[in-house]
Amino acid sequence: MSKQKLLESVADIAYIACNSIYYSGNSREDISDFIYWAEEFEKKHKHTDWVQEDYLTEIINFSDSKLKEARKNILNASRNHTQKS
C-alpha cells in the first residue's frame, strides 16, 4: 500500500468522523483507531479499480460502519461501568 493512499484514507476517515460529530472521549485513541481503520480499508481495497468503483462512496460506507460499531462499543462500555457502580 502506498503511503499517499494510506494518508488520504486516514484524512478522509477523520473528516467523516468529524462531520458525524464522533468523539469517544479520548482523542489519542480516536486517532489510533482512524489509522488502523485506514490500514484495514487499504488492505480490503488493495486490488480495487477506482475507475470502476467510487472511492468516496466506499470510504464513506466503510467509515460509517466503523463509527457505528465504535459508538456501540462506547455505549456498551458505559452501560457496563454504570452497572458496576
Protein backbone atom coordinates (compact mmCIF):
# COMPACT_ATOMS: atom_id res chain seq x y z
CA MET A 1 0.00 0.00 0.00
CA SER A 2 1.34 3.41 -0.84
CA LYS A 3 1.96 5.92 1.90
CA GLN A 4 0.00 8.57 -0.02
CA LYS A 5 -3.10 6.36 -0.33
CA LEU A 6 -2.92 5.48 3.37
CA LEU A 7 -2.60 9.12 4.38
CA GLU A 8 -5.55 10.08 2.19
CA SER A 9 -7.65 7.35 3.79
CA VAL A 10 -6.70 8.49 7.31
CA ALA A 11 -7.62 12.07 6.39
CA ASP A 12 -10.91 11.02 4.81
CA ILE A 13 -11.90 8.84 7.79
CA ALA A 14 -11.04 11.64 10.24
CA TYR A 15 -13.04 14.12 8.15
CA ILE A 16 -16.05 11.79 8.01
CA ALA A 17 -15.82 11.19 11.77
CA CYS A 18 -15.69 14.92 12.42
CA ASN A 19 -18.71 15.54 10.18
CA SER A 20 -20.64 12.91 12.09
CA ILE A 21 -19.61 14.54 15.39
CA TYR A 22 -17.73 11.49 16.60
CA TYR A 23 -15.60 11.73 19.73
CA SER A 24 -15.00 8.81 22.07
CA GLY A 25 -13.68 11.00 24.85
CA ASN A 26 -10.06 10.13 24.06
CA SER A 27 -8.62 11.91 21.03
CA ARG A 28 -5.41 9.83 21.00
CA GLU A 29 -7.45 6.63 20.91
CA ASP A 30 -9.65 8.05 18.16
CA ILE A 31 -6.63 8.93 16.00
CA SER A 32 -5.15 5.49 16.57
CA ASP A 33 -8.47 3.94 15.50
CA PHE A 34 -8.60 6.10 12.35
CA ILE A 35 -5.10 4.98 11.36
CA TYR A 36 -5.96 1.32 11.99
CA TRP A 37 -9.22 1.66 10.04
CA ALA A 38 -7.40 3.32 7.13
CA GLU A 39 -4.92 0.44 7.02
CA GLU A 40 -7.84 -2.01 7.05
CA PHE A 41 -9.59 -0.08 4.28
CA GLU A 42 -6.47 -0.02 2.12
CA LYS A 43 -5.88 -3.75 2.59
CA LYS A 44 -9.51 -4.51 1.77
CA HIS A 45 -9.30 -2.42 -1.41
CA LYS A 46 -5.78 -3.38 -2.43
CA HIS A 47 -6.98 -4.56 -5.83
CA THR A 48 -9.97 -2.26 -6.27
CA ASP A 49 -10.13 -0.47 -9.60
CA TRP A 50 -11.13 3.05 -8.59
CA VAL A 51 -12.06 3.81 -12.19
CA GLN A 52 -14.82 1.18 -11.82
CA GLU A 53 -15.69 1.85 -8.16
CA ASP A 54 -16.47 5.15 -6.48
CA TYR A 55 -13.83 5.80 -3.81
CA LEU A 56 -15.87 8.35 -1.86
CA THR A 57 -18.89 6.06 -1.61
CA GLU A 58 -16.68 3.20 -0.41
CA ILE A 59 -14.75 5.23 2.19
CA ILE A 60 -17.95 6.84 3.49
CA ASN A 61 -19.73 3.50 3.83
CA PHE A 62 -16.67 1.91 5.45
CA SER A 63 -16.25 4.83 7.87
CA ASP A 64 -19.93 4.95 8.77
CA SER A 65 -19.84 1.25 9.60
CA LYS A 66 -16.73 1.64 11.78
CA LEU A 67 -18.15 4.70 13.55
CA LYS A 68 -21.43 2.91 14.23
CA GLU A 69 -19.51 -0.03 15.71
CA ALA A 70 -17.33 2.30 17.81
CA ARG A 71 -20.36 4.18 19.16
CA LYS A 72 -21.97 0.86 20.08
CA ASN A 73 -18.80 -0.21 21.93
CA ILE A 74 -18.68 3.11 23.81
CA LEU A 75 -22.34 2.77 24.80
CA ASN A 76 -21.82 -0.82 25.98
CA ALA A 77 -18.73 0.15 27.98
CA SER A 78 -20.66 2.99 29.58
CA ARG A 79 -23.53 0.67 30.49
CA ASN A 80 -21.13 -1.88 31.97
CA HIS A 81 -19.40 0.83 34.01
CA THR A 82 -22.76 2.14 35.27
CA GLN A 83 -23.91 -1.36 36.27
CA LYS A 84 -20.71 -1.95 38.28
CA SER A 85 -21.10 1.33 40.19
